[in-house]
């Protein structure tokens, strides 16, 4: 179609402009995916006895367990608190990444799953 083609409602339809905008958005999304790896967030559980750090790409970067918790020897509690801290860290990182993506897209709803872009 050319720029003098008619779109919905009789408005001019410029496929070239749409393609350029799509390429710009694709570039910005690619940059955002790279930036997501630099976004870090933490999650804590057990009153801060376990702390997990994750990035916006969905990677767990670090887990810290207070020595006093390890000293209890309660394996089940340590496992449960670790899972809770990791889940909080991943959720927090995902929310930060979504906020950054929203800045790029201007809050526009995207026709795809954000998690597929952020990893």
PDB file of N, CA and C in Angstrom:
ATOM      1  N   UNK A   1       0.840  -1.181   0.000  1.00  0.00           N
ATOM      2  CA  UNK A   1       0.000   0.000   0.000  1.00  0.00           C
ATOM      3  C   UNK A   1       0.882   1.241   0.000  1.00  0.00           C
ATOM      4  N   UNK A   2       0.403   2.259  -0.590  1.00  0.00           N
ATOM      5  CA  UNK A   2       1.135   3.517  -0.630  1.00  0.00           C
ATOM      6  C   UNK A   2       0.532   4.475   0.371  1.00  0.00           C
ATOM      7  N   UNK A   3       1.176   5.626   0.494  1.00  0.00           N
ATOM      8  CA  UNK A   3       0.706   6.593   1.478  1.00  0.00           C
ATOM      9  C   UNK A   3      -0.660   7.158   1.128  1.00  0.00           C
ATOM     10  N   UNK A   4      -1.112   7.017  -0.162  1.00  0.00           N
ATOM     11  CA  UNK A   4      -2.440   7.511  -0.488  1.00  0.00           C
ATOM     12  C   UNK A   4      -3.512   6.444  -0.375  1.00  0.00           C
ATOM     13  N   UNK A   5      -3.171   5.273   0.164  1.00  0.00           N
ATOM     14  CA  UNK A   5      -4.184   4.246   0.422  1.00  0.00           C
ATOM     15  C   UNK A   5      -5.041   4.679   1.590  1.00  0.00           C
ATOM     16  N   UNK A   6      -6.240   4.164   1.599  1.00  0.00           N
ATOM     17  CA  UNK A   6      -7.168   4.526   2.664  1.00  0.00           C
ATOM     18  C   UNK A   6      -7.191   3.446   3.736  1.00  0.00           C
ATOM     19  N   UNK A   7      -7.107   3.866   4.977  1.00  0.00           N
ATOM     20  CA  UNK A   7      -7.231   2.962   6.104  1.00  0.00           C
ATOM     21  C   UNK A   7      -8.637   3.025   6.655  1.00  0.00           C
ATOM     22  N   UNK A   8      -8.867   2.492   7.844  1.00  0.00           N
ATOM     23  CA  UNK A   8     -10.195   2.543   8.458  1.00  0.00           C
ATOM     24  C   UNK A   8     -10.681   3.988   8.596  1.00  0.00           C
ATOM     25  N   UNK A   9     -11.905   4.214   8.285  1.00  0.00           N
ATOM     26  CA  UNK A   9     -12.494   5.544   8.425  1.00  0.00           C
ATOM     27  C   UNK A   9     -12.062   6.508   7.341  1.00  0.00           C
ATOM     28  N   UNK A  10     -11.432   6.001   6.273  1.00  0.00           N
ATOM     29  CA  UNK A  10     -11.027   6.866   5.177  1.00  0.00           C
ATOM     30  C   UNK A  10      -9.761   7.659   5.451  1.00  0.00           C
ATOM     31  N   UNK A  11      -9.047   7.361   6.558  1.00  0.00           N
ATOM     32  CA  UNK A  11      -7.827   8.082   6.875  1.00  0.00           C
ATOM     33  C   UNK A  11      -6.674   7.552   6.033  1.00  0.00           C
ATOM     34  N   UNK A  12      -5.693   8.388   5.716  1.00  0.00           N
ATOM     35  CA  UNK A  12      -4.539   7.919   4.938  1.00  0.00           C
ATOM     36  C   UNK A  12      -3.820   6.791   5.688  1.00  0.00           C
ATOM     37  N   UNK A  13      -3.325   5.807   4.943  1.00  0.00           N
ATOM     38  CA  UNK A  13      -2.663   4.634   5.515  1.00  0.00           C
ATOM     39  C   UNK A  13      -1.242   4.612   4.981  1.00  0.00           C
ATOM     40  N   UNK A  14      -0.254   4.864   5.834  1.00  0.00           N
ATOM     41  CA  UNK A  14       1.147   4.913   5.428  1.00  0.00           C
ATOM     42  C   UNK A  14       1.876   3.707   6.002  1.00  0.00           C
ATOM     43  N   UNK A  15       1.977   2.648   5.213  1.00  0.00           N
ATOM     44  CA  UNK A  15       2.614   1.412   5.668  1.00  0.00           C
ATOM     45  C   UNK A  15       4.086   1.636   5.998  1.00  0.00           C
ATOM     46  N   UNK A  16       4.750   2.477   5.236  1.00  0.00           N
ATOM     47  CA  UNK A  16       6.162   2.771   5.501  1.00  0.00           C
ATOM     48  C   UNK A  16       6.359   3.378   6.873  1.00  0.00           C
ATOM     49  N   UNK A  17       5.486   4.315   7.237  1.00  0.00           N
ATOM     50  CA  UNK A  17       5.581   4.944   8.552  1.00  0.00           C
ATOM     51  C   UNK A  17       5.330   3.915   9.652  1.00  0.00           C
ATOM     52  N   UNK A  18       4.346   3.053   9.436  1.00  0.00           N
ATOM     53  CA  UNK A  18       4.033   2.018  10.432  1.00  0.00           C
ATOM     54  C   UNK A  18       5.223   1.086  10.595  1.00  0.00           C
ATOM     55  N   UNK A  19       5.849   0.694   9.501  1.00  0.00           N
ATOM     56  CA  UNK A  19       7.012  -0.198   9.569  1.00  0.00           C
ATOM     57  C   UNK A  19       8.171   0.481  10.289  1.00  0.00           C
ATOM     58  N   UNK A  20       8.402   1.764  10.020  1.00  0.00           N
ATOM     59  CA  UNK A  20       9.470   2.491  10.707  1.00  0.00           C
ATOM     60  C   UNK A  20       9.215   2.542  12.208  1.00  0.00           C
ATOM     61  N   UNK A  21       7.973   2.818  12.584  1.00  0.00           N
ATOM     62  CA  UNK A  21       7.622   2.861  14.008  1.00  0.00           C
ATOM     63  C   UNK A  21       7.813   1.491  14.652  1.00  0.00           C
ATOM     64  N   UNK A  22       7.441   0.434  13.928  1.00  0.00           N
ATOM     65  CA  UNK A  22       7.609  -0.923  14.453  1.00  0.00           C
ATOM     66  C   UNK A  22       9.087  -1.240  14.644  1.00  0.00           C
ATOM     67  N   UNK A  23       9.933  -0.827  13.715  1.00  0.00           N
ATOM     68  CA  UNK A  23      11.371  -1.058  13.845  1.00  0.00           C
ATOM     69  C   UNK A  23      11.951  -0.277  15.019  1.00  0.00           C
ATOM     70  N   UNK A  24      11.482   0.952  15.202  1.00  0.00           N
ATOM     71  CA  UNK A  24      11.934   1.749  16.346  1.00  0.00           C
ATOM     72  C   UNK A  24      11.556   1.068  17.655  1.00  0.00           C
ATOM     73  N   UNK A  25      10.320   0.592  17.730  1.00  0.00           N
ATOM     74  CA  UNK A  25       9.853  -0.073  18.942  1.00  0.00           C
ATOM     75  C   UNK A  25      10.636  -1.362  19.180  1.00  0.00           C
ATOM     76  N   UNK A  26      10.905  -2.105  18.120  1.00  0.00           N
ATOM     77  CA  UNK A  26      11.678  -3.344  18.252  1.00  0.00           C
ATOM     78  C   UNK A  26      13.066  -3.041  18.792  1.00  0.00           C
ATOM     79  N   UNK A  27      13.695  -1.991  18.317  1.00  0.00           N
ATOM     80  CA  UNK A  27      15.024  -1.612  18.795  1.00  0.00           C
ATOM     81  C   UNK A  27      14.963  -1.235  20.277  1.00  0.00           C
ATOM     82  N   UNK A  28      13.959  -0.442  20.640  1.00  0.00           N
ATOM     83  CA  UNK A  28      13.814  -0.037  22.038  1.00  0.00           C
ATOM     84  C   UNK A  28      13.564  -1.245  22.934  1.00  0.00           C
ATOM     85  N   UNK A  29      12.751  -2.196  22.478  1.00  0.00           N
ATOM     86  CA  UNK A  29      12.476  -3.389  23.274  1.00  0.00           C
ATOM     87  C   UNK A  29      13.729  -4.244  23.441  1.00  0.00           C
ATOM     88  N   UNK A  30      14.530  -4.322  22.409  1.00  0.00           N
ATOM     89  CA  UNK A  30      15.785  -5.067  22.477  1.00  0.00           C
ATOM     90  C   UNK A  30      16.726  -4.416  23.491  1.00  0.00           C
ATOM     91  N   UNK A  31      16.792  -3.101  23.453  1.00  0.00           N
ATOM     92  CA  UNK A  31      17.611  -2.368  24.424  1.00  0.00           C
ATOM     93  C   UNK A  31      17.081  -2.597  25.840  1.00  0.00           C
ATOM     94  N   UNK A  32      15.760  -2.622  25.979  1.00  0.00           N
ATOM     95  CA  UNK A  32      15.157  -2.831  27.296  1.00  0.00           C
ATOM     96  C   UNK A  32      15.488  -4.204  27.836  1.00  0.00           C
ATOM     97  N   UNK A  33      15.498  -5.195  26.970  1.00  0.00           N
ATOM     98  CA  UNK A  33      15.826  -6.551  27.407  1.00  0.00           C
ATOM     99  C   UNK A  33      17.252  -6.581  27.961  1.00  0.00           C
ATOM    100  N   UNK A  34      18.160  -5.888  27.294  1.00  0.00           N
ATOM    101  CA  UNK A  34      19.533  -5.812  27.782  1.00  0.00           C
ATOM    102  C   UNK A  34      19.590  -5.061  29.114  1.00  0.00           C
ATOM    103  N   UNK A  35      18.830  -3.976  29.222  1.00  0.00           N
ATOM    104  CA  UNK A  35      18.819  -3.195  30.448  1.00  0.00           C
ATOM    105  C   UNK A  35      18.196  -3.965  31.606  1.00  0.00           C
ATOM    106  N   UNK A  36      17.294  -4.882  31.304  1.00  0.00           N
ATOM    107  CA  UNK A  36      16.629  -5.657  32.350  1.00  0.00           C
ATOM    108  C   UNK A  36      17.638  -6.429  33.183  1.00  0.00           C
ATOM    109  N   UNK A  37      18.726  -6.839  32.553  1.00  0.00           N
ATOM    110  CA  UNK A  37      19.744  -7.572  33.285  1.00  0.00           C
ATOM    111  C   UNK A  37      20.439  -6.696  34.322  1.00  0.00           C
ATOM    112  N   UNK A  38      20.428  -5.374  34.104  1.00  0.00           N
ATOM    113  CA  UNK A  38      21.083  -4.480  35.058  1.00  0.00           C
ATOM    114  C   UNK A  38      20.152  -4.055  36.194  1.00  0.00           C
ATOM    115  N   UNK A  39      18.866  -4.343  36.063  1.00  0.00           N
ATOM    116  CA  UNK A  39      17.908  -4.029  37.125  1.00  0.00           C
ATOM    117  C   UNK A  39      18.021  -5.110  38.188  1.00  0.00           C
ATOM    118  N   UNK A  40      18.249  -4.712  39.427  1.00  0.00           N
ATOM    119  CA  UNK A  40      18.297  -5.694  40.505  1.00  0.00           C
ATOM    120  C   UNK A  40      17.281  -5.326  41.578  1.00  0.00           C
ATOM    121  N   UNK A  41      16.753  -6.355  42.211  1.00  0.00           N
ATOM    122  CA  UNK A  41      15.788  -6.164  43.284  1.00  0.00           C
ATOM    123  C   UNK A  41      16.008  -7.263  44.312  1.00  0.00           C
ATOM    124  N   UNK A  42      15.610  -6.967  45.532  1.00  0.00           N
ATOM    125  CA  UNK A  42      15.757  -7.967  46.592  1.00  0.00           C
ATOM    126  C   UNK A  42      14.398  -8.372  47.122  1.00  0.00           C
ATOM    127  N   UNK A  43      14.399  -9.519  47.746  1.00  0.00           N
ATOM    128  CA  UNK A  43      13.231 -10.015  48.449  1.00  0.00           C
ATOM    129  C   UNK A  43      13.702 -10.610  49.758  1.00  0.00           C
ATOM    130  N   UNK A  44      12.961 -10.354  50.824  1.00  0.00           N
ATOM    131  CA  UNK A  44      13.350 -10.853  52.141  1.00  0.00           C
ATOM    132  C   UNK A  44      12.232 -11.682  52.726  1.00  0.00           C
ATOM    133  N   UNK A  45      12.623 -12.631  53.564  1.00  0.00           N
ATOM    134  CA  UNK A  45      11.639 -13.434  54.282  1.00  0.00           C
ATOM    135  C   UNK A  45      12.193 -13.747  55.664  1.00  0.00           C
ATOM    136  N   UNK A  46      11.308 -14.225  56.511  1.00  0.00           N
ATOM    137  CA  UNK A  46      11.739 -14.566  57.873  1.00  0.00           C
ATOM    138  C   UNK A  46      12.267 -13.377  58.631  1.00  0.00           C
ATOM    139  N   UNK A  47      11.642 -12.222  58.413  1.00  0.00           N
ATOM    140  CA  UNK A  47      12.100 -11.017  59.110  1.00  0.00           C
ATOM    141  C   UNK A  47      13.489 -10.589  58.685  1.00  0.00           C
ATOM    142  N   UNK A  48      13.855 -10.900  57.447  1.00  0.00           N
ATOM    143  CA  UNK A  48      15.165 -10.520  56.929  1.00  0.00           C
ATOM    144  C   UNK A  48      16.237 -11.571  57.142  1.00  0.00           C
ATOM    145  N   UNK A  49      15.837 -12.732  57.639  1.00  0.00           N
ATOM    146  CA  UNK A  49      16.831 -13.793  57.857  1.00  0.00           C
ATOM    147  C   UNK A  49      17.323 -14.390  56.543  1.00  0.00           C
ATOM    148  N   UNK A  50      16.497 -14.298  55.500  1.00  0.00           N
ATOM    149  CA  UNK A  50      16.907 -14.743  54.163  1.00  0.00           C
ATOM    150  C   UNK A  50      16.651 -13.592  53.203  1.00  0.00           C
ATOM    151  N   UNK A  51      17.668 -13.269  52.408  1.00  0.00           N
ATOM    152  CA  UNK A  51      17.561 -12.220  51.409  1.00  0.00           C
ATOM    153  C   UNK A  51      18.005 -12.785  50.070  1.00  0.00           C
ATOM    154  N   UNK A  52      17.193 -12.572  49.051  1.00  0.00           N
ATOM    155  CA  UNK A  52      17.534 -12.994  47.693  1.00  0.00           C
ATOM    156  C   UNK A  52      17.610 -11.759  46.812  1.00  0.00           C
ATOM    157  N   UNK A  53      18.514 -11.795  45.849  1.00  0.00           N
ATOM    158  CA  UNK A  53      18.660 -10.723  44.878  1.00  0.00           C
ATOM    159  C   UNK A  53      18.479 -11.321  43.495  1.00  0.00           C
ATOM    160  N   UNK A  54      17.647 -10.661  42.678  1.00  0.00           N
ATOM    161  CA  UNK A  54      17.384 -11.117  41.314  1.00  0.00           C
ATOM    162  C   UNK A  54      17.473  -9.934  40.365  1.00  0.00           C
ATOM    163  N   UNK A  55      17.595 -10.237  39.069  1.00  0.00           N
ATOM    164  CA  UNK A  55      17.596  -9.158  38.088  1.00  0.00           C
ATOM    165  C   UNK A  55      16.325  -9.195  37.247  1.00  0.00           C
ATOM    166  N   UNK A  56      16.147  -8.161  36.446  1.00  0.00           N
ATOM    167  CA  UNK A  56      14.942  -8.031  35.642  1.00  0.00           C
ATOM    168  C   UNK A  56      14.815  -9.075  34.549  1.00  0.00           C
ATOM    169  N   UNK A  57      15.895  -9.804  34.279  1.00  0.00           N
ATOM    170  CA  UNK A  57      15.849 -10.876  33.286  1.00  0.00           C
ATOM    171  C   UNK A  57      15.406 -12.194  33.909  1.00  0.00           C
ATOM    172  N   UNK A  58      15.128 -12.181  35.219  1.00  0.00           N
ATOM    173  CA  UNK A  58      14.632 -13.378  35.887  1.00  0.00           C
ATOM    174  C   UNK A  58      15.708 -14.290  36.436  1.00  0.00           C
ATOM    175  N   UNK A  59      16.911 -13.767  36.589  1.00  0.00           N
ATOM    176  CA  UNK A  59      18.002 -14.564  37.146  1.00  0.00           C
ATOM    177  C   UNK A  59      18.176 -14.259  38.628  1.00  0.00           C
ATOM    178  N   UNK A  60      18.344 -15.297  39.435  1.00  0.00           N
ATOM    179  CA  UNK A  60      18.656 -15.114  40.851  1.00  0.00           C
ATOM    180  C   UNK A  60      20.160 -14.904  40.935  1.00  0.00           C
ATOM    181  N   UNK A  61      20.574 -13.789  41.522  1.00  0.00           N
ATOM    182  CA  UNK A  61      21.983 -13.423  41.560  1.00  0.00           C
ATOM    183  C   UNK A  61      22.668 -13.797  42.866  1.00  0.00           C
ATOM    184  N   UNK A  62      21.892 -13.791  43.948  1.00  0.00           N
ATOM    185  CA  UNK A  62      22.514 -14.015  45.249  1.00  0.00           C
ATOM    186  C   UNK A  62      21.460 -14.430  46.262  1.00  0.00           C
ATOM    187  N   UNK A  63      21.848 -15.287  47.190  1.00  0.00           N
ATOM    188  CA  UNK A  63      20.997 -15.655  48.321  1.00  0.00           C
ATOM    189  C   UNK A  63      21.855 -15.530  49.573  1.00  0.00           C
ATOM    190  N   UNK A  64      21.337 -14.793  50.538  1.00  0.00           N
ATOM    191  CA  UNK A  64      22.034 -14.616  51.814  1.00  0.00           C
ATOM    192  C   UNK A  64      21.163 -15.191  52.925  1.00  0.00           C
ATOM    193  N   UNK A  65      21.765 -16.013  53.765  1.00  0.00           N
ATOM    194  CA  UNK A  65      21.045 -16.629  54.886  1.00  0.00           C
ATOM    195  C   UNK A  65      21.797 -16.271  56.162  1.00  0.00           C
ATOM    196  N   UNK A  66      21.065 -15.714  57.112  1.00  0.00           N
ATOM    197  CA  UNK A  66      21.673 -15.337  58.385  1.00  0.00           C
ATOM    198  C   UNK A  66      22.249 -16.583  59.074  1.00  0.00           C
ATOM    199  N   UNK A  67      23.447 -16.458  59.608  1.00  0.00           N
ATOM    200  CA  UNK A  67      24.076 -17.600  60.282  1.00  0.00           C
ATOM    201  C   UNK A  67      23.212 -18.178  61.418  1.00  0.00           C
ATOM    202  N   UNK A  68      22.467 -17.323  62.099  1.00  0.00           N
ATOM    203  CA  UNK A  68      21.628 -17.825  63.195  1.00  0.00           C
ATOM    204  C   UNK A  68      20.534 -18.753  62.684  1.00  0.00           C
ATOM    205  N   UNK A  69      20.063 -18.525  61.466  1.00  0.00           N
ATOM    206  CA  UNK A  69      19.063 -19.411  60.881  1.00  0.00           C
ATOM    207  C   UNK A  69      19.703 -20.749  60.510  1.00  0.00           C
ATOM    208  N   UNK A  70      20.890 -20.684  59.947  1.00  0.00           N
ATOM    209  CA  UNK A  70      21.601 -21.920  59.591  1.00  0.00           C
ATOM    210  C   UNK A  70      21.871 -22.739  60.853  1.00  0.00           C
ATOM    211  N   UNK A  71      22.196 -22.041  61.943  1.00  0.00           N
ATOM    212  CA  UNK A  71      22.522 -22.722  63.202  1.00  0.00           C
ATOM    213  C   UNK A  71      21.340 -23.490  63.779  1.00  0.00           C
ATOM    214  N   UNK A  72      20.126 -23.102  63.398  1.00  0.00           N
ATOM    215  CA  UNK A  72      18.965 -23.835  63.911  1.00  0.00           C
ATOM    216  C   UNK A  72      18.916 -25.248  63.353  1.00  0.00           C
ATOM    217  N   UNK A  73      19.525 -25.433  62.166  1.00  0.00           N
ATOM    218  CA  UNK A  73      19.514 -26.753  61.547  1.00  0.00           C
ATOM    219  C   UNK A  73      18.149 -27.163  61.005  1.00  0.00           C
ATOM    220  N   UNK A  74      17.213 -26.229  60.964  1.00  0.00           N
ATOM    221  CA  UNK A  74      15.857 -26.533  60.485  1.00  0.00           C
ATOM    222  C   UNK A  74      15.817 -26.425  58.965  1.00  0.00           C
ATOM    223  N   UNK A  75      16.156 -27.506  58.309  1.00  0.00           N
ATOM    224  CA  UNK A  75      16.263 -27.553  56.854  1.00  0.00           C
ATOM    225  C   UNK A  75      14.973 -27.116  56.172  1.00  0.00           C
ATOM    226  N   UNK A  76      13.833 -27.614  56.654  1.00  0.00           N
ATOM    227  CA  UNK A  76      12.553 -27.268  56.022  1.00  0.00           C
ATOM    228  C   UNK A  76      12.270 -25.771  56.097  1.00  0.00           C
ATOM    229  N   UNK A  77      12.540 -25.172  57.247  1.00  0.00           N
ATOM    230  CA  UNK A  77      12.293 -23.742  57.392  1.00  0.00           C
ATOM    231  C   UNK A  77      13.235 -22.945  56.487  1.00  0.00           C
ATOM    232  N   UNK A  78      14.495 -23.344  56.417  1.00  0.00           N
ATOM    233  CA  UNK A  78      15.453 -22.644  55.557  1.00  0.00           C
ATOM    234  C   UNK A  78      14.997 -22.722  54.097  1.00  0.00           C
ATOM    235  N   UNK A  79      14.562 -23.888  53.678  1.00  0.00           N
ATOM    236  CA  UNK A  79      14.086 -24.053  52.300  1.00  0.00           C
ATOM    237  C   UNK A  79      12.862 -23.189  52.036  1.00  0.00           C
ATOM    238  N   UNK A  80      11.901 -23.206  52.946  1.00  0.00           N
ATOM    239  CA  UNK A  80      10.676 -22.413  52.767  1.00  0.00           C
ATOM    240  C   UNK A  80      10.978 -20.919  52.711  1.00  0.00           C
ATOM    241  N   UNK A  81      11.834 -20.453  53.611  1.00  0.00           N
ATOM    242  CA  UNK A  81      12.174 -19.029  53.630  1.00  0.00           C
ATOM    243  C   UNK A  81      12.966 -18.626  52.391  1.00  0.00           C
ATOM    244  N   UNK A  82      13.793 -19.535  51.898  1.00  0.00           N
ATOM    245  CA  UNK A  82      14.563 -19.252  50.689  1.00  0.00           C
ATOM    246  C   UNK A  82      13.639 -19.119  49.482  1.00  0.00           C
ATOM    247  N   UNK A  83      12.702 -20.028  49.347  1.00  0.00           N
ATOM    248  CA  UNK A  83      11.744 -19.956  48.241  1.00  0.00           C
ATOM    249  C   UNK A  83      10.951 -18.654  48.319  1.00  0.00           C
ATOM    250  N   UNK A  84      10.496 -18.292  49.502  1.00  0.00           N
ATOM    251  CA  UNK A  84       9.717 -17.059  49.663  1.00  0.00           C
ATOM    252  C   UNK A  84      10.542 -15.832  49.284  1.00  0.00           C
ATOM    253  N   UNK A  85      11.794 -15.776  49.721  1.00  0.00           N
ATOM    254  CA  UNK A  85      12.651 -14.628  49.411  1.00  0.00           C
ATOM    255  C   UNK A  85      12.939 -14.539  47.914  1.00  0.00           C
ATOM    256  N   UNK A  86      13.195 -15.684  47.283  1.00  0.00           N
ATOM    257  CA  UNK A  86      13.462 -15.699  45.847  1.00  0.00           C
ATOM    258  C   UNK A  86      12.233 -15.232  45.070  1.00  0.00           C
ATOM    259  N   UNK A  87      11.070 -15.727  45.440  1.00  0.00           N
ATOM    260  CA  UNK A  87       9.842 -15.313  44.748  1.00  0.00           C
ATOM    261  C   UNK A  87       9.601 -13.818  44.886  1.00  0.00           C
ATOM    262  N   UNK A  88       9.853 -13.268  46.072  1.00  0.00           N
ATOM    263  CA  UNK A  88       9.687 -11.821  46.266  1.00  0.00           C
ATOM    264  C   UNK A  88      10.684 -11.037  45.421  1.00  0.00           C
ATOM    265  N   UNK A  89      11.926 -11.500  45.388  1.00  0.00           N
ATOM    266  CA  UNK A  89      12.948 -10.807  44.597  1.00  0.00           C
ATOM    267  C   UNK A  89      12.590 -10.826  43.114  1.00  0.00           C
ATOM    268  N   UNK A  90      12.155 -11.975  42.612  1.00  0.00           N
ATOM    269  CA  UNK A  90      11.777 -12.076  41.199  1.00  0.00           C
ATOM    270  C   UNK A  90      10.580 -11.194  40.878  1.00  0.00           C
ATOM    271  N   UNK A  91       9.598 -11.170  41.767  1.00  0.00           N
ATOM    272  CA  UNK A  91       8.426 -10.316  41.567  1.00  0.00           C
ATOM    273  C   UNK A  91       8.828  -8.849  41.554  1.00  0.00           C
ATOM    274  N   UNK A  92       9.658  -8.444  42.499  1.00  0.00           N
ATOM    275  CA  UNK A  92      10.101  -7.050  42.568  1.00  0.00           C
ATOM    276  C   UNK A  92      10.898  -6.659  41.327  1.00  0.00           C
ATOM    277  N   UNK A  93      11.781  -7.530  40.869  1.00  0.00           N
ATOM    278  CA  UNK A  93      12.580  -7.239  39.677  1.00  0.00           C
ATOM    279  C   UNK A  93      11.689  -7.152  38.441  1.00  0.00           C
ATOM    280  N   UNK A  94      10.712  -8.059  38.348  1.00  0.00           N
ATOM    281  CA  UNK A  94       9.786  -8.056  37.208  1.00  0.00           C
ATOM    282  C   UNK A  94       8.987  -6.754  37.187  1.00  0.00           C
ATOM    283  N   UNK A  95       8.534  -6.304  38.356  1.00  0.00           N
ATOM    284  CA  UNK A  95       7.762  -5.054  38.424  1.00  0.00           C
ATOM    285  C   UNK A  95       8.617  -3.859  38.014  1.00  0.00           C
ATOM    286  N   UNK A  96       9.879  -3.834  38.438  1.00  0.00           N
ATOM    287  CA  UNK A  96      10.767  -2.740  38.036  1.00  0.00           C
ATOM    288  C   UNK A  96      10.995  -2.767  36.523  1.00  0.00           C
ATOM    289  N   UNK A  97      11.180  -3.956  35.968  1.00  0.00           N
ATOM    290  CA  UNK A  97      11.392  -4.082  34.529  1.00  0.00           C
ATOM    291  C   UNK A  97      10.144  -3.630  33.761  1.00  0.00           C
ATOM    292  N   UNK A  98       8.954  -3.988  34.272  1.00  0.00           N
ATOM    293  CA  UNK A  98       7.716  -3.550  33.624  1.00  0.00           C
ATOM    294  C   UNK A  98       7.601  -2.037  33.648  1.00  0.00           C
ATOM    295  N   UNK A  99       7.980  -1.429  34.764  1.00  0.00           N
ATOM    296  CA  UNK A  99       7.919   0.032  34.874  1.00  0.00           C
ATOM    297  C   UNK A  99       8.853   0.678  33.860  1.00  0.00           C
ATOM    298  N   UNK A 100      10.036   0.106  33.683  1.00  0.00           N
ATOM    299  CA  UNK A 100      10.976   0.640  32.697  1.00  0.00           C
ATOM    300  C   UNK A 100      10.428   0.466  31.284  1.00  0.00           C
ATOM    301  N   UNK A 101       9.833  -0.692  31.005  1.00  0.00           N
ATOM    302  CA  UNK A 101       9.257  -0.937  29.684  1.00  0.00           C
ATOM    303  C   UNK A 101       8.103   0.025  29.412  1.00  0.00           C
ATOM    304  N   UNK A 102       7.336   0.317  30.437  1.00  0.00           N
ATOM    305  CA  UNK A 102       6.210   1.235  30.290  1.00  0.00           C
ATOM    306  C   UNK A 102       6.693   2.628  29.895  1.00  0.00           C
ATOM    307  N   UNK A 103       7.872   3.017  30.385  1.00  0.00           N
ATOM    308  CA  UNK A 103       8.436   4.316  29.996  1.00  0.00           C
ATOM    309  C   UNK A 103       8.729   4.345  28.499  1.00  0.00           C
ATOM    310  N   UNK A 104       9.221   3.208  27.984  1.00  0.00           N
ATOM    311  CA  UNK A 104       9.564   3.136  26.560  1.00  0.00           C
ATOM    312  C   UNK A 104       8.317   3.137  25.695  1.00  0.00           C
ATOM    313  N   UNK A 105       7.329   2.358  26.099  1.00  0.00           N
ATOM    314  CA  UNK A 105       6.132   2.208  25.270  1.00  0.00           C
ATOM    315  C   UNK A 105       5.078   3.265  25.553  1.00  0.00           C
ATOM    316  N   UNK A 106       5.339   4.130  26.519  1.00  0.00           N
ATOM    317  CA  UNK A 106       4.375   5.169  26.863  1.00  0.00           C
ATOM    318  C   UNK A 106       3.109   4.599  27.478  1.00  0.00           C
ATOM    319  N   UNK A 107       3.220   3.429  28.107  1.00  0.00           N
ATOM    320  CA  UNK A 107       2.072   2.799  28.745  1.00  0.00           C
ATOM    321  C   UNK A 107       1.165   2.068  27.774  1.00  0.00           C
ATOM    322  N   UNK A 108       1.546   2.050  26.487  1.00  0.00           N
ATOM    323  CA  UNK A 108       0.736   1.393  25.470  1.00  0.00           C
ATOM    324  C   UNK A 108       0.688  -0.113  25.737  1.00  0.00           C
ATOM    325  N   UNK A 109      -0.494  -0.704  25.645  1.00  0.00           N
ATOM    326  CA  UNK A 109      -0.644  -2.141  25.815  1.00  0.00           C
ATOM    327  C   UNK A 109       0.028  -2.841  24.644  1.00  0.00           C
ATOM    328  N   UNK A 110       0.820  -3.867  24.952  1.00  0.00           N
ATOM    329  CA  UNK A 110       1.530  -4.579  23.904  1.00  0.00           C
ATOM    330  C   UNK A 110       0.813  -5.888  23.588  1.00  0.00           C
ATOM    331  N   UNK A 111       0.826  -6.294  22.322  1.00  0.00           N
ATOM    332  CA  UNK A 111       0.127  -7.519  21.921  1.00  0.00           C
ATOM    333  C   UNK A 111       0.964  -8.773  22.140  1.00  0.00           C
ATOM    334  N   UNK A 112       1.775  -8.793  23.208  1.00  0.00           N
ATOM    335  CA  UNK A 112       2.594  -9.954  23.509  1.00  0.00           C
ATOM    336  C   UNK A 112       2.820 -10.010  25.005  1.00  0.00           C
ATOM    337  N   UNK A 113       3.341 -11.119  25.454  1.00  0.00           N
ATOM    338  CA  UNK A 113       3.596 -11.341  26.865  1.00  0.00           C
ATOM    339  C   UNK A 113       4.919 -10.697  27.240  1.00  0.00           C
ATOM    340  N   UNK A 114       4.910  -9.799  28.222  1.00  0.00           N
ATOM    341  CA  UNK A 114       6.113  -9.114  28.665  1.00  0.00           C
ATOM    342  C   UNK A 114       7.182 -10.100  29.110  1.00  0.00           C
ATOM    343  N   UNK A 115       6.780 -11.182  29.755  1.00  0.00           N
ATOM    344  CA  UNK A 115       7.760 -12.147  30.243  1.00  0.00           C
ATOM    345  C   UNK A 115       8.551 -12.790  29.113  1.00  0.00           C
ATOM    346  N   UNK A 116       7.970 -12.884  27.916  1.00  0.00           N
ATOM    347  CA  UNK A 116       8.698 -13.458  26.794  1.00  0.00           C
ATOM    348  C   UNK A 116       9.809 -12.525  26.338  1.00  0.00           C
ATOM    349  N   UNK A 117       9.677 -11.244  26.611  1.00  0.00           N
ATOM    350  CA  UNK A 117      10.695 -10.280  26.231  1.00  0.00           C
ATOM    351  C   UNK A 117      11.761 -10.187  27.305  1.00  0.00           C
ATOM    352  N   UNK A 118      11.347 -10.178  28.551  1.00  0.00           N
ATOM    353  CA  UNK A 118      12.285  -9.970  29.638  1.00  0.00           C
ATOM    354  C   UNK A 118      12.986 -11.240  30.083  1.00  0.00           C
ATOM    355  N   UNK A 119      12.642 -12.340  29.504  1.00  0.00           N
ATOM    356  CA  UNK A 119      13.353 -13.576  29.813  1.00  0.00           C
ATOM    357  C   UNK A 119      12.635 -14.481  30.744  1.00  0.00           C
TER     358      UNK A 119
END
